[in-house]
Amino acid sequence: MEEALISPELRDVLAKVAVFLLVQGLVYLILTNSSDVFSKNKSKED
């Protein structure tokens, strides 16, 4: 197995990066969906 070549420190960093990217992706999706809802509401009001 190649896992032995990966040090615990590197594995920890990769895990943090993976979680960070996941959070950023979720936030992006939520913001884009929210902005779509806001723009639809604003266009209906106009």
C-alpha atoms as a PDB file:
ATOM      1  CA  MET A   1       0.000   0.000   0.000  1.00  0.00           C
ATOM      2  CA  GLU A   2       1.165   3.523  -0.768  1.00  0.00           C
ATOM      3  CA  GLU A   3      -0.451   4.904   2.398  1.00  0.00           C
ATOM      4  CA  ALA A   4       2.804   4.185   4.253  1.00  0.00           C
ATOM      5  CA  LEU A   5       4.534   6.803   2.068  1.00  0.00           C
ATOM      6  CA  ILE A   6       2.120   9.494   3.270  1.00  0.00           C
ATOM      7  CA  SER A   7       3.180  11.013   6.582  1.00  0.00           C
ATOM      8  CA  PRO A   8       0.537  11.742   9.272  1.00  0.00           C
ATOM      9  CA  GLU A   9       1.283  15.457   8.917  1.00  0.00           C
ATOM     10  CA  LEU A  10       0.684  15.409   5.160  1.00  0.00           C
ATOM     11  CA  ARG A  11      -2.463  13.337   5.610  1.00  0.00           C
ATOM     12  CA  ASP A  12      -3.734  15.870   8.177  1.00  0.00           C
ATOM     13  CA  VAL A  13      -3.047  18.767   5.809  1.00  0.00           C
ATOM     14  CA  LEU A  14      -4.773  16.991   2.913  1.00  0.00           C
ATOM     15  CA  ALA A  15      -7.781  16.288   5.136  1.00  0.00           C
ATOM     16  CA  LYS A  16      -8.017  19.964   6.138  1.00  0.00           C
ATOM     17  CA  VAL A  17      -7.720  21.066   2.501  1.00  0.00           C
ATOM     18  CA  ALA A  18     -10.430  18.586   1.459  1.00  0.00           C
ATOM     19  CA  VAL A  19     -12.791  19.845   4.178  1.00  0.00           C
ATOM     20  CA  PHE A  20     -12.001  23.465   3.262  1.00  0.00           C
ATOM     21  CA  LEU A  21     -12.803  22.836  -0.406  1.00  0.00           C
ATOM     22  CA  LEU A  22     -16.034  21.039   0.529  1.00  0.00           C
ATOM     23  CA  VAL A  23     -17.133  23.957   2.716  1.00  0.00           C
ATOM     24  CA  GLN A  24     -16.234  26.489   0.025  1.00  0.00           C
ATOM     25  CA  GLY A  25     -18.212  24.488  -2.532  1.00  0.00           C
ATOM     26  CA  LEU A  26     -21.266  24.299  -0.274  1.00  0.00           C
ATOM     27  CA  VAL A  27     -21.091  28.030   0.509  1.00  0.00           C
ATOM     28  CA  TYR A  28     -20.794  28.823  -3.217  1.00  0.00           C
ATOM     29  CA  LEU A  29     -23.825  26.675  -4.045  1.00  0.00           C
ATOM     30  CA  ILE A  30     -25.863  28.215  -1.211  1.00  0.00           C
ATOM     31  CA  LEU A  31     -24.931  31.772  -2.233  1.00  0.00           C
ATOM     32  CA  THR A  32     -25.702  31.161  -5.922  1.00  0.00           C
ATOM     33  CA  ASN A  33     -29.048  29.558  -5.046  1.00  0.00           C
ATOM     34  CA  SER A  34     -29.858  32.399  -2.631  1.00  0.00           C
ATOM     35  CA  SER A  35     -28.922  35.069  -5.176  1.00  0.00           C
ATOM     36  CA  ASP A  36     -31.186  33.372  -7.737  1.00  0.00           C
ATOM     37  CA  VAL A  37     -34.080  33.509  -5.270  1.00  0.00           C
ATOM     38  CA  PHE A  38     -33.347  37.140  -4.391  1.00  0.00           C
ATOM     39  CA  SER A  39     -33.108  38.184  -8.053  1.00  0.00           C
ATOM     40  CA  LYS A  40     -36.392  36.392  -8.813  1.00  0.00           C
ATOM     41  CA  ASN A  41     -38.125  38.147  -5.900  1.00  0.00           C
ATOM     42  CA  LYS A  42     -36.745  41.541  -6.966  1.00  0.00           C
ATOM     43  CA  SER A  43     -37.798  41.033 -10.606  1.00  0.00           C
ATOM     44  CA  LYS A  44     -41.334  40.088  -9.470  1.00  0.00           C
ATOM     45  CA  GLU A  45     -41.589  43.220  -7.322  1.00  0.00           C
ATOM     46  CA  ASP A  46     -40.481  45.533 -10.148  1.00  0.00           C
END
